[in-house]
Full PDB file with SEQRES, HELIX, SHEET, SSBOND, CRYST1, ORIGX, SCALE, CONECT and MASTER records, all heavy atoms in Angstrom:
SEQRES   1 A   33  TYR ILE ASP ASP GLN ASP LEU ASP ARG MET LEU ARG GLU          
SEQRES   2 A   33  GLN GLU ARG GLU GLY ASP PRO MET ALA ALA LEU ILE LYS          
SEQRES   3 A   33  LYS ARG LYS ALA LYS GLU ASN                                  
HELIX    1 AA1 GLN A    5  GLU A   13  1                                   9    
HELIX    2 AA2 ALA A   22  GLU A   32  1                                  11    
CRYST1    1.000    1.000    1.000  90.00  90.00  90.00 P 1           1          
ORIGX1      1.000000  0.000000  0.000000        0.00000                         
ORIGX2      0.000000  1.000000  0.000000        0.00000                         
ORIGX3      0.000000  0.000000  1.000000        0.00000                         
SCALE1      1.000000  0.000000  0.000000        0.00000                         
SCALE2      0.000000  1.000000  0.000000        0.00000                         
SCALE3      0.000000  0.000000  1.000000        0.00000                         
ATOM      1  N   TYR A   1       1.702 -15.911   4.066  1.00  0.00           N  
ATOM      2  CA  TYR A   1       2.121 -16.976   4.950  1.00  0.00           C  
ATOM      3  C   TYR A   1       2.166 -16.504   6.389  1.00  0.00           C  
ATOM      4  O   TYR A   1       2.001 -15.338   6.706  1.00  0.00           O  
ATOM      5  CB  TYR A   1       3.511 -17.448   4.480  1.00  0.00           C  
ATOM      6  CG  TYR A   1       3.456 -17.983   3.061  1.00  0.00           C  
ATOM      7  CD1 TYR A   1       3.893 -17.290   1.967  1.00  0.00           C  
ATOM      8  CD2 TYR A   1       2.873 -19.247   2.813  1.00  0.00           C  
ATOM      9  CE1 TYR A   1       3.815 -17.756   0.692  1.00  0.00           C  
ATOM     10  CE2 TYR A   1       2.842 -19.773   1.525  1.00  0.00           C  
ATOM     11  CZ  TYR A   1       3.327 -18.998   0.439  1.00  0.00           C  
ATOM     12  OH  TYR A   1       3.196 -19.501  -0.834  1.00  0.00           O  
ATOM     13  N   ILE A   2       2.506 -17.373   7.274  1.00  0.00           N  
ATOM     14  CA  ILE A   2       2.533 -17.105   8.689  1.00  0.00           C  
ATOM     15  C   ILE A   2       3.619 -16.106   9.128  1.00  0.00           C  
ATOM     16  O   ILE A   2       3.388 -15.391  10.115  1.00  0.00           O  
ATOM     17  CB  ILE A   2       2.680 -18.441   9.542  1.00  0.00           C  
ATOM     18  CG1 ILE A   2       2.322 -18.296  10.972  1.00  0.00           C  
ATOM     19  CG2 ILE A   2       4.159 -18.961   9.446  1.00  0.00           C  
ATOM     20  CD1 ILE A   2       0.857 -18.444  11.230  1.00  0.00           C  
ATOM     21  N   ASP A   3       4.638 -16.031   8.325  1.00  0.00           N  
ATOM     22  CA  ASP A   3       5.705 -15.099   8.676  1.00  0.00           C  
ATOM     23  C   ASP A   3       5.518 -13.683   8.105  1.00  0.00           C  
ATOM     24  O   ASP A   3       6.419 -12.854   8.154  1.00  0.00           O  
ATOM     25  CB  ASP A   3       7.072 -15.641   8.321  1.00  0.00           C  
ATOM     26  CG  ASP A   3       7.149 -15.885   6.823  1.00  0.00           C  
ATOM     27  OD1 ASP A   3       6.108 -15.874   6.151  1.00  0.00           O  
ATOM     28  OD2 ASP A   3       8.305 -16.157   6.328  1.00  0.00           O  
ATOM     29  N   ASP A   4       4.324 -13.351   7.552  1.00  0.00           N  
ATOM     30  CA  ASP A   4       4.009 -12.099   6.968  1.00  0.00           C  
ATOM     31  C   ASP A   4       3.800 -11.094   8.096  1.00  0.00           C  
ATOM     32  O   ASP A   4       2.899 -11.171   8.936  1.00  0.00           O  
ATOM     33  CB  ASP A   4       2.782 -12.221   6.127  1.00  0.00           C  
ATOM     34  CG  ASP A   4       2.498 -10.901   5.288  1.00  0.00           C  
ATOM     35  OD1 ASP A   4       3.347  -9.985   5.425  1.00  0.00           O  
ATOM     36  OD2 ASP A   4       1.620 -10.897   4.493  1.00  0.00           O  
ATOM     37  N   GLN A   5       4.734 -10.129   8.214  1.00  0.00           N  
ATOM     38  CA  GLN A   5       4.733  -9.102   9.284  1.00  0.00           C  
ATOM     39  C   GLN A   5       3.484  -8.149   9.230  1.00  0.00           C  
ATOM     40  O   GLN A   5       2.899  -7.859  10.243  1.00  0.00           O  
ATOM     41  CB  GLN A   5       6.017  -8.349   9.284  1.00  0.00           C  
ATOM     42  CG  GLN A   5       7.187  -9.158   9.679  1.00  0.00           C  
ATOM     43  CD  GLN A   5       8.491  -8.402   9.655  1.00  0.00           C  
ATOM     44  OE1 GLN A   5       8.447  -7.206   9.289  1.00  0.00           O  
ATOM     45  NE2 GLN A   5       9.582  -8.974   9.980  1.00  0.00           N  
ATOM     46  N   ASP A   6       3.113  -7.782   8.000  1.00  0.00           N  
ATOM     47  CA  ASP A   6       1.978  -6.883   7.877  1.00  0.00           C  
ATOM     48  C   ASP A   6       0.727  -7.566   8.305  1.00  0.00           C  
ATOM     49  O   ASP A   6      -0.133  -6.966   9.029  1.00  0.00           O  
ATOM     50  CB  ASP A   6       1.819  -6.441   6.402  1.00  0.00           C  
ATOM     51  CG  ASP A   6       2.918  -5.472   5.944  1.00  0.00           C  
ATOM     52  OD1 ASP A   6       3.505  -4.887   6.864  1.00  0.00           O  
ATOM     53  OD2 ASP A   6       3.094  -5.380   4.760  1.00  0.00           O  
ATOM     54  N   LEU A   7       0.447  -8.780   7.929  1.00  0.00           N  
ATOM     55  CA  LEU A   7      -0.676  -9.542   8.352  1.00  0.00           C  
ATOM     56  C   LEU A   7      -0.743  -9.718   9.844  1.00  0.00           C  
ATOM     57  O   LEU A   7      -1.747  -9.557  10.498  1.00  0.00           O  
ATOM     58  CB  LEU A   7      -0.759 -10.922   7.619  1.00  0.00           C  
ATOM     59  CG  LEU A   7      -1.946 -11.875   8.003  1.00  0.00           C  
ATOM     60  CD1 LEU A   7      -3.233 -11.159   7.593  1.00  0.00           C  
ATOM     61  CD2 LEU A   7      -1.712 -13.184   7.351  1.00  0.00           C  
ATOM     62  N   ASP A   8       0.438 -10.056  10.432  1.00  0.00           N  
ATOM     63  CA  ASP A   8       0.545 -10.254  11.862  1.00  0.00           C  
ATOM     64  C   ASP A   8       0.268  -8.952  12.638  1.00  0.00           C  
ATOM     65  O   ASP A   8      -0.565  -9.002  13.576  1.00  0.00           O  
ATOM     66  CB  ASP A   8       1.946 -10.727  12.288  1.00  0.00           C  
ATOM     67  CG  ASP A   8       2.048 -11.091  13.707  1.00  0.00           C  
ATOM     68  OD1 ASP A   8       1.170 -11.782  14.220  1.00  0.00           O  
ATOM     69  OD2 ASP A   8       3.069 -10.635  14.342  1.00  0.00           O  
ATOM     70  N   ARG A   9       0.753  -7.797  12.190  1.00  0.00           N  
ATOM     71  CA  ARG A   9       0.503  -6.532  12.811  1.00  0.00           C  
ATOM     72  C   ARG A   9      -0.955  -6.159  12.708  1.00  0.00           C  
ATOM     73  O   ARG A   9      -1.584  -5.686  13.653  1.00  0.00           O  
ATOM     74  CB  ARG A   9       1.387  -5.459  12.218  1.00  0.00           C  
ATOM     75  CG  ARG A   9       1.326  -4.104  12.912  1.00  0.00           C  
ATOM     76  CD  ARG A   9       2.162  -2.992  12.427  1.00  0.00           C  
ATOM     77  NE  ARG A   9       3.292  -3.405  11.643  1.00  0.00           N  
ATOM     78  CZ  ARG A   9       3.364  -3.250  10.317  1.00  0.00           C  
ATOM     79  NH1 ARG A   9       2.322  -2.826   9.638  1.00  0.00           N  
ATOM     80  NH2 ARG A   9       4.458  -3.625   9.633  1.00  0.00           N  
ATOM     81  N   MET A  10      -1.539  -6.377  11.527  1.00  0.00           N  
ATOM     82  CA  MET A  10      -2.939  -6.036  11.325  1.00  0.00           C  
ATOM     83  C   MET A  10      -3.884  -6.891  12.270  1.00  0.00           C  
ATOM     84  O   MET A  10      -4.773  -6.351  12.869  1.00  0.00           O  
ATOM     85  CB  MET A  10      -3.357  -6.306   9.826  1.00  0.00           C  
ATOM     86  CG  MET A  10      -4.822  -5.912   9.529  1.00  0.00           C  
ATOM     87  SD  MET A  10      -5.308  -6.400   7.892  1.00  0.00           S  
ATOM     88  CE  MET A  10      -5.375  -8.181   7.984  1.00  0.00           C  
ATOM     89  N   LEU A  11      -3.588  -8.149  12.382  1.00  0.00           N  
ATOM     90  CA  LEU A  11      -4.407  -9.029  13.228  1.00  0.00           C  
ATOM     91  C   LEU A  11      -4.236  -8.627  14.690  1.00  0.00           C  
ATOM     92  O   LEU A  11      -5.198  -8.680  15.489  1.00  0.00           O  
ATOM     93  CB  LEU A  11      -4.067 -10.484  13.052  1.00  0.00           C  
ATOM     94  CG  LEU A  11      -4.417 -11.030  11.660  1.00  0.00           C  
ATOM     95  CD1 LEU A  11      -3.949 -12.493  11.527  1.00  0.00           C  
ATOM     96  CD2 LEU A  11      -5.922 -10.994  11.446  1.00  0.00           C  
ATOM     97  N   ARG A  12      -3.053  -8.248  15.109  1.00  0.00           N  
ATOM     98  CA  ARG A  12      -2.822  -7.806  16.521  1.00  0.00           C  
ATOM     99  C   ARG A  12      -3.526  -6.473  16.849  1.00  0.00           C  
ATOM    100  O   ARG A  12      -4.005  -6.288  17.950  1.00  0.00           O  
ATOM    101  CB  ARG A  12      -1.257  -7.673  16.829  1.00  0.00           C  
ATOM    102  CG  ARG A  12      -0.545  -9.018  16.887  1.00  0.00           C  
ATOM    103  CD  ARG A  12       0.915  -8.754  17.103  1.00  0.00           C  
ATOM    104  NE  ARG A  12       1.617  -9.990  16.965  1.00  0.00           N  
ATOM    105  CZ  ARG A  12       1.995 -10.726  18.054  1.00  0.00           C  
ATOM    106  NH1 ARG A  12       1.606 -10.354  19.276  1.00  0.00           N  
ATOM    107  NH2 ARG A  12       2.642 -11.883  17.911  1.00  0.00           N  
ATOM    108  N   GLU A  13      -3.612  -5.563  15.869  1.00  0.00           N  
ATOM    109  CA  GLU A  13      -4.238  -4.248  16.086  1.00  0.00           C  
ATOM    110  C   GLU A  13      -5.734  -4.350  16.088  1.00  0.00           C  
ATOM    111  O   GLU A  13      -6.350  -3.404  16.660  1.00  0.00           O  
ATOM    112  CB  GLU A  13      -3.718  -3.282  15.082  1.00  0.00           C  
ATOM    113  CG  GLU A  13      -2.292  -2.891  15.263  1.00  0.00           C  
ATOM    114  CD  GLU A  13      -1.835  -1.967  14.146  1.00  0.00           C  
ATOM    115  OE1 GLU A  13      -2.599  -1.632  13.196  1.00  0.00           O  
ATOM    116  OE2 GLU A  13      -0.644  -1.498  14.222  1.00  0.00           O  
ATOM    117  N   GLN A  14      -6.288  -5.399  15.618  1.00  0.00           N  
ATOM    118  CA  GLN A  14      -7.755  -5.513  15.629  1.00  0.00           C  
ATOM    119  C   GLN A  14      -8.304  -5.651  17.043  1.00  0.00           C  
ATOM    120  O   GLN A  14      -7.731  -6.360  17.841  1.00  0.00           O  
ATOM    121  CB  GLN A  14      -8.227  -6.643  14.794  1.00  0.00           C  
ATOM    122  CG  GLN A  14      -8.180  -6.482  13.309  1.00  0.00           C  
ATOM    123  CD  GLN A  14      -8.660  -7.718  12.585  1.00  0.00           C  
ATOM    124  OE1 GLN A  14      -8.919  -8.827  13.182  1.00  0.00           O  
ATOM    125  NE2 GLN A  14      -8.750  -7.604  11.219  1.00  0.00           N  
ATOM    126  N   GLU A  15      -9.368  -4.879  17.325  1.00  0.00           N  
ATOM    127  CA  GLU A  15      -9.993  -5.057  18.602  1.00  0.00           C  
ATOM    128  C   GLU A  15     -11.178  -6.047  18.490  1.00  0.00           C  
ATOM    129  O   GLU A  15     -12.058  -5.757  17.616  1.00  0.00           O  
ATOM    130  CB  GLU A  15     -10.411  -3.718  19.130  1.00  0.00           C  
ATOM    131  CG  GLU A  15      -9.352  -2.750  19.423  1.00  0.00           C  
ATOM    132  CD  GLU A  15      -9.769  -1.410  19.993  1.00  0.00           C  
ATOM    133  OE1 GLU A  15     -10.979  -1.378  20.526  1.00  0.00           O  
ATOM    134  OE2 GLU A  15      -9.036  -0.487  19.969  1.00  0.00           O  
ATOM    135  N   ARG A  16     -11.213  -7.023  19.305  1.00  0.00           N  
ATOM    136  CA  ARG A  16     -12.244  -8.060  19.195  1.00  0.00           C  
ATOM    137  C   ARG A  16     -13.212  -7.845  20.353  1.00  0.00           C  
ATOM    138  O   ARG A  16     -12.785  -7.551  21.499  1.00  0.00           O  
ATOM    139  CB  ARG A  16     -11.645  -9.429  19.257  1.00  0.00           C  
ATOM    140  CG  ARG A  16     -10.863  -9.687  17.938  1.00  0.00           C  
ATOM    141  CD  ARG A  16     -10.161 -11.013  18.048  1.00  0.00           C  
ATOM    142  NE  ARG A  16      -9.194 -11.211  16.960  1.00  0.00           N  
ATOM    143  CZ  ARG A  16      -8.005 -10.703  16.933  1.00  0.00           C  
ATOM    144  NH1 ARG A  16      -7.579  -9.945  17.907  1.00  0.00           N  
ATOM    145  NH2 ARG A  16      -7.210 -10.910  15.875  1.00  0.00           N  
ATOM    146  N   GLU A  17     -14.444  -8.046  20.176  1.00  0.00           N  
ATOM    147  CA  GLU A  17     -15.486  -7.914  21.195  1.00  0.00           C  
ATOM    148  C   GLU A  17     -15.341  -9.154  22.143  1.00  0.00           C  
ATOM    149  O   GLU A  17     -15.162 -10.291  21.777  1.00  0.00           O  
ATOM    150  CB  GLU A  17     -16.875  -7.920  20.607  1.00  0.00           C  
ATOM    151  CG  GLU A  17     -17.897  -7.506  21.559  1.00  0.00           C  
ATOM    152  CD  GLU A  17     -19.241  -7.356  20.865  1.00  0.00           C  
ATOM    153  OE1 GLU A  17     -19.346  -6.966  19.729  1.00  0.00           O  
ATOM    154  OE2 GLU A  17     -20.305  -7.590  21.566  1.00  0.00           O  
ATOM    155  N   GLY A  18     -15.393  -8.845  23.440  1.00  0.00           N  
ATOM    156  CA  GLY A  18     -15.301  -9.907  24.464  1.00  0.00           C  
ATOM    157  C   GLY A  18     -13.831 -10.258  24.759  1.00  0.00           C  
ATOM    158  O   GLY A  18     -13.611 -11.249  25.489  1.00  0.00           O  
ATOM    159  N   ASP A  19     -12.894  -9.464  24.370  1.00  0.00           N  
ATOM    160  CA  ASP A  19     -11.491  -9.748  24.653  1.00  0.00           C  
ATOM    161  C   ASP A  19     -11.178  -9.199  26.076  1.00  0.00           C  
ATOM    162  O   ASP A  19     -11.293  -8.031  26.301  1.00  0.00           O  
ATOM    163  CB  ASP A  19     -10.580  -9.006  23.613  1.00  0.00           C  
ATOM    164  CG  ASP A  19      -9.142  -9.418  23.754  1.00  0.00           C  
ATOM    165  OD1 ASP A  19      -8.826 -10.208  24.576  1.00  0.00           O  
ATOM    166  OD2 ASP A  19      -8.306  -8.847  22.914  1.00  0.00           O  
ATOM    167  N   PRO A  20     -10.810 -10.130  26.924  1.00  0.00           N  
ATOM    168  CA  PRO A  20     -10.505  -9.625  28.313  1.00  0.00           C  
ATOM    169  C   PRO A  20      -9.307  -8.782  28.464  1.00  0.00           C  
ATOM    170  O   PRO A  20      -9.230  -7.929  29.349  1.00  0.00           O  
ATOM    171  CB  PRO A  20     -10.310 -10.949  29.094  1.00  0.00           C  
ATOM    172  CG  PRO A  20      -9.971 -11.985  28.090  1.00  0.00           C  
ATOM    173  CD  PRO A  20     -10.569 -11.568  26.821  1.00  0.00           C  
ATOM    174  N   MET A  21      -8.364  -8.846  27.576  1.00  0.00           N  
ATOM    175  CA  MET A  21      -7.142  -8.016  27.631  1.00  0.00           C  
ATOM    176  C   MET A  21      -7.294  -6.687  26.935  1.00  0.00           C  
ATOM    177  O   MET A  21      -6.422  -5.878  26.962  1.00  0.00           O  
ATOM    178  CB  MET A  21      -5.939  -8.819  27.066  1.00  0.00           C  
ATOM    179  CG  MET A  21      -5.580 -10.017  27.812  1.00  0.00           C  
ATOM    180  SD  MET A  21      -4.956  -9.646  29.467  1.00  0.00           S  
ATOM    181  CE  MET A  21      -3.387  -8.915  29.101  1.00  0.00           C  
ATOM    182  N   ALA A  22      -8.425  -6.459  26.234  1.00  0.00           N  
ATOM    183  CA  ALA A  22      -8.605  -5.251  25.483  1.00  0.00           C  
ATOM    184  C   ALA A  22      -8.503  -3.977  26.395  1.00  0.00           C  
ATOM    185  O   ALA A  22      -7.996  -2.991  25.990  1.00  0.00           O  
ATOM    186  CB  ALA A  22      -9.902  -5.302  24.744  1.00  0.00           C  
ATOM    187  N   ALA A  23      -9.158  -4.066  27.541  1.00  0.00           N  
ATOM    188  CA  ALA A  23      -9.118  -2.885  28.403  1.00  0.00           C  
ATOM    189  C   ALA A  23      -7.774  -2.601  28.852  1.00  0.00           C  
ATOM    190  O   ALA A  23      -7.328  -1.427  28.966  1.00  0.00           O  
ATOM    191  CB  ALA A  23     -10.049  -3.210  29.626  1.00  0.00           C  
ATOM    192  N   LEU A  24      -6.917  -3.610  29.244  1.00  0.00           N  
ATOM    193  CA  LEU A  24      -5.588  -3.437  29.595  1.00  0.00           C  
ATOM    194  C   LEU A  24      -4.741  -2.789  28.445  1.00  0.00           C  
ATOM    195  O   LEU A  24      -3.940  -1.831  28.721  1.00  0.00           O  
ATOM    196  CB  LEU A  24      -4.951  -4.735  30.051  1.00  0.00           C  
ATOM    197  CG  LEU A  24      -3.536  -4.697  30.537  1.00  0.00           C  
ATOM    198  CD1 LEU A  24      -3.371  -3.858  31.799  1.00  0.00           C  
ATOM    199  CD2 LEU A  24      -2.975  -6.092  30.756  1.00  0.00           C  
ATOM    200  N   ILE A  25      -4.907  -3.282  27.268  1.00  0.00           N  
ATOM    201  CA  ILE A  25      -4.210  -2.718  26.133  1.00  0.00           C  
ATOM    202  C   ILE A  25      -4.557  -1.220  25.877  1.00  0.00           C  
ATOM    203  O   ILE A  25      -3.767  -0.398  25.608  1.00  0.00           O  
ATOM    204  CB  ILE A  25      -4.444  -3.550  24.838  1.00  0.00           C  
ATOM    205  CG1 ILE A  25      -3.816  -4.964  25.108  1.00  0.00           C  
ATOM    206  CG2 ILE A  25      -3.898  -2.933  23.612  1.00  0.00           C  
ATOM    207  CD1 ILE A  25      -4.132  -5.958  23.969  1.00  0.00           C  
ATOM    208  N   LYS A  26      -5.858  -0.896  26.020  1.00  0.00           N  
ATOM    209  CA  LYS A  26      -6.318   0.433  25.857  1.00  0.00           C  
ATOM    210  C   LYS A  26      -5.630   1.362  26.914  1.00  0.00           C  
ATOM    211  O   LYS A  26      -5.263   2.501  26.593  1.00  0.00           O  
ATOM    212  CB  LYS A  26      -7.849   0.564  25.979  1.00  0.00           C  
ATOM    213  CG  LYS A  26      -8.604   0.109  24.755  1.00  0.00           C  
ATOM    214  CD  LYS A  26     -10.059   0.331  24.913  1.00  0.00           C  
ATOM    215  CE  LYS A  26     -10.803  -0.136  23.699  1.00  0.00           C  
ATOM    216  NZ  LYS A  26     -12.279   0.032  23.852  1.00  0.00           N  
ATOM    217  N   LYS A  27      -5.623   0.896  28.168  1.00  0.00           N  
ATOM    218  CA  LYS A  27      -4.916   1.655  29.202  1.00  0.00           C  
ATOM    219  C   LYS A  27      -3.441   1.882  28.907  1.00  0.00           C  
ATOM    220  O   LYS A  27      -2.957   3.038  29.066  1.00  0.00           O  
ATOM    221  CB  LYS A  27      -5.094   0.958  30.544  1.00  0.00           C  
ATOM    222  CG  LYS A  27      -6.463   1.061  31.183  1.00  0.00           C  
ATOM    223  CD  LYS A  27      -6.484   0.363  32.504  1.00  0.00           C  
ATOM    224  CE  LYS A  27      -7.905   0.305  33.072  1.00  0.00           C  
ATOM    225  NZ  LYS A  27      -8.013  -0.424  34.336  1.00  0.00           N  
ATOM    226  N   ARG A  28      -2.802   0.902  28.433  1.00  0.00           N  
ATOM    227  CA  ARG A  28      -1.374   1.060  28.093  1.00  0.00           C  
ATOM    228  C   ARG A  28      -1.160   2.041  26.996  1.00  0.00           C  
ATOM    229  O   ARG A  28      -0.259   2.888  26.992  1.00  0.00           O  
ATOM    230  CB  ARG A  28      -0.788  -0.291  27.661  1.00  0.00           C  
ATOM    231  CG  ARG A  28      -0.477  -1.181  28.792  1.00  0.00           C  
ATOM    232  CD  ARG A  28       0.269  -2.416  28.310  1.00  0.00           C  
ATOM    233  NE  ARG A  28       0.383  -3.434  29.384  1.00  0.00           N  
ATOM    234  CZ  ARG A  28       0.812  -4.629  29.165  1.00  0.00           C  
ATOM    235  NH1 ARG A  28       1.079  -5.104  27.964  1.00  0.00           N  
ATOM    236  NH2 ARG A  28       0.939  -5.463  30.192  1.00  0.00           N  
ATOM    237  N   LYS A  29      -2.031   2.002  25.945  1.00  0.00           N  
ATOM    238  CA  LYS A  29      -1.917   2.933  24.826  1.00  0.00           C  
ATOM    239  C   LYS A  29      -2.169   4.349  25.277  1.00  0.00           C  
ATOM    240  O   LYS A  29      -1.476   5.252  24.856  1.00  0.00           O  
ATOM    241  CB  LYS A  29      -2.839   2.557  23.739  1.00  0.00           C  
ATOM    242  CG  LYS A  29      -2.398   1.368  22.879  1.00  0.00           C  
ATOM    243  CD  LYS A  29      -3.349   1.089  21.734  1.00  0.00           C  
ATOM    244  CE  LYS A  29      -2.892  -0.089  20.900  1.00  0.00           C  
ATOM    245  NZ  LYS A  29      -3.767  -0.366  19.785  1.00  0.00           N  
ATOM    246  N   ALA A  30      -3.170   4.541  26.115  1.00  0.00           N  
ATOM    247  CA  ALA A  30      -3.499   5.889  26.653  1.00  0.00           C  
ATOM    248  C   ALA A  30      -2.315   6.431  27.445  1.00  0.00           C  
ATOM    249  O   ALA A  30      -1.983   7.581  27.362  1.00  0.00           O  
ATOM    250  CB  ALA A  30      -4.820   5.810  27.525  1.00  0.00           C  
ATOM    251  N   LYS A  31      -1.700   5.570  28.268  1.00  0.00           N  
ATOM    252  CA  LYS A  31      -0.609   5.945  29.055  1.00  0.00           C  
ATOM    253  C   LYS A  31       0.585   6.321  28.251  1.00  0.00           C  
ATOM    254  O   LYS A  31       1.258   7.345  28.544  1.00  0.00           O  
ATOM    255  CB  LYS A  31      -0.240   4.793  30.014  1.00  0.00           C  
ATOM    256  CG  LYS A  31       0.697   5.146  31.150  1.00  0.00           C  
ATOM    257  CD  LYS A  31       0.884   4.024  32.094  1.00  0.00           C  
ATOM    258  CE  LYS A  31       1.687   4.383  33.332  1.00  0.00           C  
ATOM    259  NZ  LYS A  31       1.916   3.310  34.195  1.00  0.00           N  
ATOM    260  N   GLU A  32       0.882   5.530  27.188  1.00  0.00           N  
ATOM    261  CA  GLU A  32       1.963   5.823  26.299  1.00  0.00           C  
ATOM    262  C   GLU A  32       1.720   7.192  25.542  1.00  0.00           C  
ATOM    263  O   GLU A  32       2.687   7.977  25.368  1.00  0.00           O  
ATOM    264  CB  GLU A  32       2.104   4.680  25.234  1.00  0.00           C  
ATOM    265  CG  GLU A  32       2.724   3.398  25.784  1.00  0.00           C  
ATOM    266  CD  GLU A  32       2.773   2.347  24.789  1.00  0.00           C  
ATOM    267  OE1 GLU A  32       2.446   2.608  23.533  1.00  0.00           O  
ATOM    268  OE2 GLU A  32       3.078   1.186  25.115  1.00  0.00           O  
ATOM    269  N   ASN A  33       0.473   7.440  25.137  1.00  0.00           N  
ATOM    270  CA  ASN A  33       0.205   8.683  24.431  1.00  0.00           C  
ATOM    271  C   ASN A  33       0.363   9.900  25.368  1.00  0.00           C  
ATOM    272  O   ASN A  33       0.745  10.924  24.988  1.00  0.00           O  
ATOM    273  CB  ASN A  33      -1.231   8.630  23.874  1.00  0.00           C  
ATOM    274  CG  ASN A  33      -1.307   7.681  22.652  1.00  0.00           C  
ATOM    275  OD1 ASN A  33      -0.324   7.350  22.002  1.00  0.00           O  
ATOM    276  ND2 ASN A  33      -2.502   7.251  22.375  1.00  0.00           N  
TER     277      ASN A  33                                                      
MASTER        0    0    0    2    0    0    0    6  276    1    0    3          
END                                                                             
């Protein structure tokens, strides 16, 4: 169902081609690491 946290986390972690925010998210993850 929609409130499944594992499904939600898995879908958020997927990188999609053509996503304009993907570069920003990668920068944030690199900075956090």
